[in-house]
């Protein structure tokens, strides 16, 4: 059974995207981002989310920013 995707408002998405972009820019080097992107591109579509989830720095940024919009 498919899960329902959460519905976020425009403002919530704006907060999340801005926060995530700032965290990524602050905590990653360009080389780290290029390596992560390369791993994502090289992975099968079904494995791409696993590649992202395995990156601790990225997941910390996502978790922090999600906490700003999910109460």
Protein backbone atom coordinates (compact mmCIF):
# COMPACT_ATOMS: atom_id res chain seq x y z
CA UNK A 1 0.00 0.00 0.00
CA UNK A 2 1.39 3.42 -0.97
CA UNK A 3 2.06 5.95 1.76
CA UNK A 4 0.52 9.38 1.57
CA UNK A 5 3.07 12.12 1.02
CA UNK A 6 2.89 14.87 3.64
CA UNK A 7 1.45 18.12 2.38
CA UNK A 8 3.57 21.14 3.19
CA UNK A 9 2.63 24.74 2.64
CA UNK A 10 4.67 27.02 0.44
CA UNK A 11 6.05 28.77 3.53
CA UNK A 12 7.05 25.46 5.13
CA UNK A 13 8.81 24.32 1.97
CA UNK A 14 10.56 27.68 1.70
CA UNK A 15 11.81 27.40 5.30
CA UNK A 16 12.94 23.80 4.77
CA UNK A 17 14.71 24.42 1.45
CA UNK A 18 16.44 27.57 2.67
CA UNK A 19 17.56 25.87 5.88
CA UNK A 20 18.84 22.77 4.07
CA UNK A 21 20.73 24.84 1.50
CA UNK A 22 22.42 26.86 4.26
CA UNK A 23 23.34 23.74 6.24
CA UNK A 24 24.75 21.99 3.17
CA UNK A 25 26.77 25.06 2.15
CA UNK A 26 28.12 25.42 5.68
CA UNK A 27 28.97 21.77 6.33
CA UNK A 28 30.06 20.35 2.95
CA UNK A 29 32.98 21.10 0.69
CA UNK A 30 32.36 21.26 -3.04
CA UNK A 31 34.33 18.03 -3.40
CA UNK A 32 32.09 16.24 -0.85
CA UNK A 33 28.95 17.38 -2.68
CA UNK A 34 30.35 16.31 -6.03
CA UNK A 35 31.23 12.89 -4.62
CA UNK A 36 27.75 12.47 -3.12
CA UNK A 37 26.14 13.53 -6.38
CA UNK A 38 28.32 11.07 -8.29
CA UNK A 39 27.27 8.23 -5.99
CA UNK A 40 23.61 9.17 -6.41
CA UNK A 41 23.89 9.28 -10.19
CA UNK A 42 25.78 5.96 -10.30
CA UNK A 43 23.20 4.17 -8.16
CA UNK A 44 20.14 2.47 -9.57
CA UNK A 45 17.00 4.53 -9.14
CA UNK A 46 15.78 2.14 -6.45
CA UNK A 47 19.04 2.60 -4.51
CA UNK A 48 19.44 6.37 -4.77
CA UNK A 49 17.59 7.19 -1.54
CA UNK A 50 19.75 4.65 0.31
CA UNK A 51 22.87 6.46 -0.91
CA UNK A 52 21.51 9.77 0.37
CA UNK A 53 20.36 8.27 3.68
CA UNK A 54 23.81 6.76 4.23
CA UNK A 55 25.38 10.23 4.23
CA UNK A 56 25.39 11.26 7.89
CA UNK A 57 26.16 14.95 7.24
CA UNK A 58 23.27 15.29 4.82
CA UNK A 59 20.84 13.44 7.07
CA UNK A 60 21.77 15.67 10.03
CA UNK A 61 21.01 18.75 7.93
CA UNK A 62 17.69 17.31 6.76
CA UNK A 63 16.67 16.28 10.27
CA UNK A 64 17.55 19.68 11.70
CA UNK A 65 15.59 21.52 9.02
CA UNK A 66 12.58 19.21 9.19
CA UNK A 67 12.38 19.89 12.92
CA UNK A 68 11.86 23.57 12.08
CA UNK A 69 8.62 22.86 10.19
CA UNK A 70 7.23 19.74 11.88
CA UNK A 71 5.83 20.44 15.27
